[in-house]
Each structure stands twice: as C-alpha cells, then as structure tokens.
Amino acid sequence: MDMGLKGKVAVVTGGSRGIGLYTARALGAEGARLALCARNADGLEAAAESLRAEGVADVLTVVCDIAREDGAARLIEATRNRYGRLDVLVNNVGGNRRGTFEETNDEDWLDIIQLNVLSGFRASRLAIPLMREAGGGSIIFISSVFGREKGGPGLSIYNTTKTALISAAGIMALELAKDGIRVNCVAPGSIQFPGGSWDRRVQANPEGMREFVKANLPLGRFGRADEVADVVTFLASERASLITGACLAVDGSQGRSLV
C-alpha cells in the first residue's frame, strides 16, 4: 500500500531511540524526508546513521532540549531552512516523575508539563503555518493508555499530562480542519524496547514482569515500538485522510476505556 509519503517532510521529536526512532524508520521507509531531535548528540547521530544505512536518504538532526522554550523554535526553523516545508509533526518526547500526589511539588509538575505538554504545543504552533503553506499536514501526539483512564497511584503527573494531549488535540483538529491539517493522538500501552523503562524492569525483575503480563496484557506480551510506529505512519499518511480528532489505542486491549 502506497502511503503517499514519498518526498514529504516529517519531524519526529525524541527521534534517537524507542518509539521515536522506530517511527522515523517507518516514515523513512515510505520515502519521507526526516528531521529528528534529541538532547544527546552522539545518540542522535548514531540513530541517523542507522537510518541512512537502511536506505533513508535524507535525515536532518537537530540537537536541542525540546522541553526548553527555544527548543521547538530551533527544530522547526532548522527544518524550514533545510527542506522549505513541513508536512508531518510527531510529538513523541515524553517522560514521567513518579510520586503520590501529596509528595509532588510545583517543580515536579512544571518540569513534566514542559516536557510532555508544552514541548509539543510549541512545536505544533510553529508547524501550523508551514503546513498551511503546504496545503495541509498531519500532527500526531504520542499520548498513553494512561492518558485515557486512571493509571494508578503515583501517576498523577503522567496521567494529567497525557490526558491533556488528547483533549488539546481534539480542539486543534476542529480548528485546523479548514486548513487540511489533521490532528490525532496515539495511545500506546506497555511497550518494550531496548533501553526503555519496561525493558529495564524485565531485566531487573523477570518473574514480577511475567506476573504483570499475565494480569494486564491480554495478548500475553509487551507491545513493540514498531507496532506503534506503523500506526503513527498510517495516521501521517494520505490513507488516513478522514481521521482527525481521534485517539487510537495501540495497547493489545490493555486499556479499559470505553471510548
């Protein structure tokens, strides 16, 4: 199936590892030109080299902290200077700071809001004029299964920020429909990839993780980053031309949300 992404320009934040890297790989395999950002220059360049070795011809790397106010501006400006256009924005960067609500403080909340929410909002605001000039585009936020329901004790910050993405994306979809810009969310479940949090937990406590899988993951396994990346790539493509304002769960029925 031709996704219609050949020659399109796609920005992926946090593109050096995990879901971000696999998304870049999937978009690149469809012929998209890529702009990736991460904080670690060595890791980012290693990721870009791996993509080039796989045949992705055009990969721009921008070392920046997307959680800082100037991070998104540097990324989008570098993309405009290199390619002159922007068609797809994947807001993938995210993180967590665990603790009971009572234990958390303003610094905890502000740090994760900057990382999980404002980084993507800033990048999206800057991307919209370029997408409008191109005649349309696709903005995708990586939320979480826990953005759609209660995630459990210790996750008040994570849940709140991931839910915020889903809510804002819905409004953005309504406002930007007239410009041909689609806005969607993807909500991954528990995804295991090398170096990721679930991978570390499996290595540290394999028996405990086997019990977790039995109790929480109906397919009997963790999800894979490429499975999320394939859905993101579909949403970015012309094949998803009628999908906007949606949140697609990629969780193997781990979630319990009714919507």
Protein backbone atom coordinates (compact mmCIF):
# COMPACT_ATOMS: atom_id res chain seq x y z
CA MET A 1 0.00 0.00 0.00
CA ASP A 2 1.41 3.37 -1.03
CA MET A 3 1.10 5.73 1.93
CA GLY A 4 1.68 8.81 -0.20
CA LEU A 5 4.56 9.98 1.99
CA LYS A 6 7.34 10.00 -0.59
CA GLY A 7 9.07 13.37 -0.53
CA LYS A 8 7.05 14.61 2.44
CA VAL A 9 8.91 16.22 5.33
CA ALA A 10 8.37 14.69 8.77
CA VAL A 11 9.64 15.98 12.11
CA VAL A 12 9.94 13.46 14.96
CA THR A 13 10.84 14.72 18.41
CA GLY A 14 12.83 12.36 20.58
CA GLY A 15 13.88 10.52 17.44
CA SER A 16 17.06 8.88 18.71
CA ARG A 17 15.53 5.84 20.43
CA GLY A 18 12.40 3.89 21.21
CA ILE A 19 9.09 4.82 19.62
CA GLY A 20 10.62 7.95 18.10
CA LEU A 21 13.36 6.08 16.27
CA TYR A 22 11.03 3.34 15.08
CA THR A 23 8.59 5.99 13.85
CA ALA A 24 11.39 7.72 11.96
CA ARG A 25 12.34 4.36 10.44
CA ALA A 26 8.77 3.66 9.34
CA LEU A 27 8.30 7.14 7.86
CA GLY A 28 11.67 6.97 6.14
CA ALA A 29 10.83 3.60 4.63
CA GLU A 30 7.85 5.30 2.99
CA GLY A 31 10.14 7.88 1.40
CA ALA A 32 9.66 10.75 3.84
CA ARG A 33 12.46 13.21 4.47
CA LEU A 34 13.20 13.39 8.18
CA ALA A 35 14.13 15.93 10.84
CA LEU A 36 14.92 14.39 14.21
CA CYS A 37 15.79 15.98 17.52
CA ALA A 38 17.22 14.76 20.81
CA ARG A 39 19.38 16.14 23.60
CA ASN A 40 22.25 13.70 23.20
CA ALA A 41 24.32 14.45 20.10
CA ASP A 42 26.06 11.07 19.94
CA GLY A 43 22.87 9.08 20.31
CA LEU A 44 21.06 11.24 17.77
CA GLU A 45 23.80 10.90 15.16
CA ALA A 46 24.01 7.15 15.74
CA ALA A 47 20.28 6.91 15.11
CA ALA A 48 20.59 8.99 11.93
CA GLU A 49 23.44 6.82 10.67
CA SER A 50 21.40 3.68 11.27
CA LEU A 51 18.56 5.16 9.23
CA ARG A 52 20.89 6.15 6.41
CA ALA A 53 22.34 2.62 6.41
CA GLU A 54 18.81 1.31 5.94
CA GLY A 55 18.34 3.49 2.87
CA VAL A 56 16.69 6.60 4.29
CA ALA A 57 18.27 9.19 2.03
CA ASP A 58 17.60 12.46 3.83
CA VAL A 59 17.92 12.81 7.62
CA LEU A 60 18.41 16.13 9.40
CA THR A 61 19.48 16.03 13.05
CA VAL A 62 18.94 18.90 15.48
CA VAL A 63 20.47 18.66 18.93
CA CYS A 64 18.20 20.53 21.32
CA ASP A 65 16.21 20.20 24.51
CA ILE A 66 12.66 20.30 23.23
CA ALA A 67 11.39 20.98 26.77
CA ARG A 68 13.09 24.39 26.76
CA GLU A 69 11.26 27.36 25.31
CA ASP A 70 13.73 27.76 22.45
CA GLY A 71 13.93 24.04 21.62
CA ALA A 72 10.91 23.85 19.33
CA ALA A 73 11.91 27.06 17.55
CA ARG A 74 15.36 25.69 16.77
CA LEU A 75 13.92 22.43 15.47
CA ILE A 76 11.23 23.88 13.24
CA GLU A 77 13.49 26.64 11.93
CA ALA A 78 16.20 24.13 11.02
CA THR A 79 13.59 22.02 9.23
CA ARG A 80 12.30 25.02 7.28
CA ASN A 81 15.81 26.05 6.31
CA ARG A 82 16.71 22.55 5.12
CA TYR A 83 13.53 21.50 3.36
CA GLY A 84 11.40 24.61 2.90
CA ARG A 85 8.27 22.83 4.06
CA LEU A 86 6.75 20.64 6.77
CA ASP A 87 4.08 18.00 6.30
CA VAL A 88 4.15 15.77 9.38
CA LEU A 89 4.93 16.51 13.03
CA VAL A 90 5.19 13.65 15.52
CA ASN A 91 5.31 14.97 19.07
CA ASN A 92 6.89 11.95 20.69
CA VAL A 93 9.03 13.32 23.53
CA GLY A 94 7.77 12.46 26.98
CA GLY A 95 8.72 11.35 30.45
CA ASN A 96 7.48 10.77 33.96
CA ARG A 97 8.16 11.65 37.56
CA ARG A 98 6.52 9.22 39.96
CA GLY A 99 5.22 10.01 43.42
CA THR A 100 1.96 10.27 45.29
CA PHE A 101 0.06 13.47 44.63
CA GLU A 102 0.81 14.68 48.15
CA GLU A 103 4.54 14.12 47.67
CA THR A 104 4.78 16.01 44.38
CA ASN A 105 5.72 19.67 44.28
CA ASP A 106 5.39 22.51 41.80
CA GLU A 107 8.80 21.81 40.29
CA ASP A 108 7.82 18.21 39.54
CA TRP A 109 4.64 19.32 37.83
CA LEU A 110 6.20 22.16 35.87
CA ASP A 111 9.10 20.03 34.63
CA ILE A 112 6.86 17.29 33.24
CA ILE A 113 4.30 19.74 31.86
CA GLN A 114 7.15 21.41 29.95
CA LEU A 115 8.35 18.04 28.65
CA ASN A 116 5.10 16.21 27.94
CA VAL A 117 2.77 19.05 27.02
CA LEU A 118 4.34 22.39 26.18
CA SER A 119 7.12 20.93 24.02
CA GLY A 120 4.55 19.53 21.60
CA PHE A 121 2.28 22.55 21.80
CA ARG A 122 5.13 24.91 20.90
CA ALA A 123 6.30 22.73 18.04
CA SER A 124 2.74 22.46 16.75
CA ARG A 125 2.14 26.22 16.81
CA LEU A 126 5.31 26.74 14.78
CA ALA A 127 4.48 23.91 12.39
CA ILE A 128 0.96 25.07 11.55
CA PRO A 129 1.93 27.98 9.24
CA LEU A 130 4.32 25.73 7.29
CA MET A 131 1.66 23.04 6.93
CA ARG A 132 -0.87 25.62 5.86
CA GLU A 133 1.53 26.82 3.15
CA ALA A 134 1.94 23.20 2.00
CA GLY A 135 -1.82 22.77 1.69
CA GLY A 136 -2.27 20.59 4.74
CA GLY A 137 -0.48 18.24 7.06
CA SER A 138 -0.67 15.87 9.98
CA ILE A 139 0.15 16.49 13.65
CA ILE A 140 0.36 13.46 15.91
CA PHE A 141 0.82 13.39 19.66
CA ILE A 142 2.11 10.30 21.44
CA SER A 143 -0.13 10.03 24.48
CA SER A 144 -0.56 6.84 26.53
CA VAL A 145 -3.05 4.21 27.56
CA PHE A 146 -2.95 6.06 30.88
CA GLY A 147 -4.00 9.26 29.17
CA ARG A 148 -7.34 7.55 28.54
CA GLU A 149 -8.00 6.19 32.05
CA LYS A 150 -6.69 6.00 35.61
CA GLY A 151 -3.11 4.79 35.60
CA GLY A 152 -2.80 4.05 39.27
CA PRO A 153 -1.15 5.51 42.36
CA GLY A 154 1.96 7.57 41.78
CA LEU A 155 0.98 8.62 38.27
CA SER A 156 -0.95 11.85 38.83
CA ILE A 157 1.53 13.94 36.82
CA TYR A 158 1.86 11.43 33.99
CA ASN A 159 -1.88 10.86 33.67
CA THR A 160 -2.69 14.56 33.72
CA THR A 161 -0.17 15.48 31.05
CA LYS A 162 -1.01 12.58 28.74
CA THR A 163 -4.73 13.32 29.05
CA ALA A 164 -4.06 16.97 28.23
CA LEU A 165 -2.61 15.95 24.86
CA ILE A 166 -5.79 14.08 23.91
CA SER A 167 -8.01 16.98 24.93
CA ALA A 168 -5.98 19.64 23.14
CA ALA A 169 -5.60 17.54 20.00
CA GLY A 170 -9.37 17.27 19.73
CA ILE A 171 -9.80 21.05 19.78
CA MET A 172 -6.88 21.55 17.40
CA ALA A 173 -8.49 19.11 14.97
CA LEU A 174 -11.67 21.21 14.90
CA GLU A 175 -9.81 24.48 14.47
CA LEU A 176 -7.41 23.27 11.78
CA ALA A 177 -9.75 21.15 9.67
CA LYS A 178 -10.39 24.06 7.33
CA ASP A 179 -6.67 24.16 6.56
CA GLY A 180 -6.43 20.47 5.74
CA ILE A 181 -4.35 19.84 8.88
CA ARG A 182 -5.32 16.70 10.73
CA VAL A 183 -4.50 16.29 14.44
CA ASN A 184 -4.59 12.93 16.21
CA CYS A 185 -3.20 11.07 19.18
CA VAL A 186 -1.77 7.58 19.55
CA ALA A 187 -2.06 5.95 22.96
CA PRO A 188 0.49 3.15 23.36
CA GLY A 189 0.20 0.55 26.08
CA SER A 190 3.19 -1.05 27.76
CA ILE A 191 5.86 -1.09 25.05
CA GLN A 192 9.18 -2.90 25.46
CA PHE A 193 12.25 -1.80 23.53
CA PRO A 194 15.97 -1.92 24.30
CA GLY A 195 16.88 0.61 26.96
CA GLY A 196 13.26 1.53 27.70
CA SER A 197 11.65 1.50 31.13
CA TRP A 198 9.77 -1.76 30.59
CA ASP A 199 12.91 -3.42 29.28
CA ARG A 200 14.80 -2.36 32.40
CA ARG A 201 12.03 -3.73 34.61
CA VAL A 202 12.03 -7.04 32.79
CA GLN A 203 15.76 -7.38 33.29
CA ALA A 204 15.59 -6.36 36.95
CA ASN A 205 12.56 -8.46 37.89
CA PRO A 206 11.71 -11.05 35.23
CA GLU A 207 9.33 -13.06 37.41
CA GLY A 208 7.46 -9.96 38.54
CA MET A 209 7.11 -8.83 34.96
CA ARG A 210 5.79 -12.24 33.90
CA GLU A 211 3.07 -11.81 36.51
CA PHE A 212 2.39 -8.27 35.27
CA VAL A 213 1.95 -9.54 31.73
CA LYS A 214 -0.45 -12.27 32.85
CA ALA A 215 -2.54 -9.82 34.85
CA ASN A 216 -2.58 -6.83 32.49
CA LEU A 217 -1.74 -7.71 28.89
CA PRO A 218 -4.40 -9.87 27.19
CA LEU A 219 -2.14 -10.77 24.25
CA GLY A 220 0.36 -12.24 26.70
CA ARG A 221 3.24 -9.97 25.75
CA PHE A 222 4.50 -6.42 25.76
CA GLY A 223 3.94 -4.30 22.69
CA ARG A 224 6.75 -3.44 20.30
CA ALA A 225 7.87 0.01 19.23
CA ASP A 226 7.44 -0.86 15.56
CA GLU A 227 3.78 -1.68 16.18
CA VAL A 228 3.22 1.86 17.46
CA ALA A 229 5.32 3.34 14.66
CA ASP A 230 3.20 1.65 11.99
CA VAL A 231 0.04 3.26 13.36
CA VAL A 232 1.72 6.67 13.57
CA THR A 233 2.87 6.33 9.96
CA PHE A 234 -0.64 5.42 8.84
CA LEU A 235 -2.08 8.47 10.62
CA ALA A 236 0.57 10.65 8.99
CA SER A 237 -0.34 9.38 5.55
CA GLU A 238 -2.98 10.18 2.97
CA ARG A 239 -4.54 6.80 3.74
CA ALA A 240 -5.86 8.32 6.97
CA SER A 241 -7.37 11.35 5.24
CA LEU A 242 -10.70 11.10 7.13
CA ILE A 243 -9.16 10.57 10.56
CA THR A 244 -8.76 13.68 12.69
CA GLY A 245 -9.53 14.42 16.32
CA ALA A 246 -9.06 10.74 17.16
CA CYS A 247 -7.03 8.90 19.75
CA LEU A 248 -6.02 5.44 18.58
CA ALA A 249 -5.09 2.94 21.27
CA VAL A 250 -2.16 0.68 20.40
CA ASP A 251 -2.22 -1.44 23.52
CA GLY A 252 -3.31 -5.00 22.76
CA SER A 253 -6.53 -4.39 24.75
CA GLN A 254 -4.56 -3.45 27.85
CA GLY A 255 -6.71 -0.35 28.27
CA ARG A 256 -10.18 -0.35 29.77
CA SER A 257 -11.54 2.86 28.30
CA LEU A 258 -14.96 2.71 26.67
CA VAL A 259 -14.04 5.36 24.06
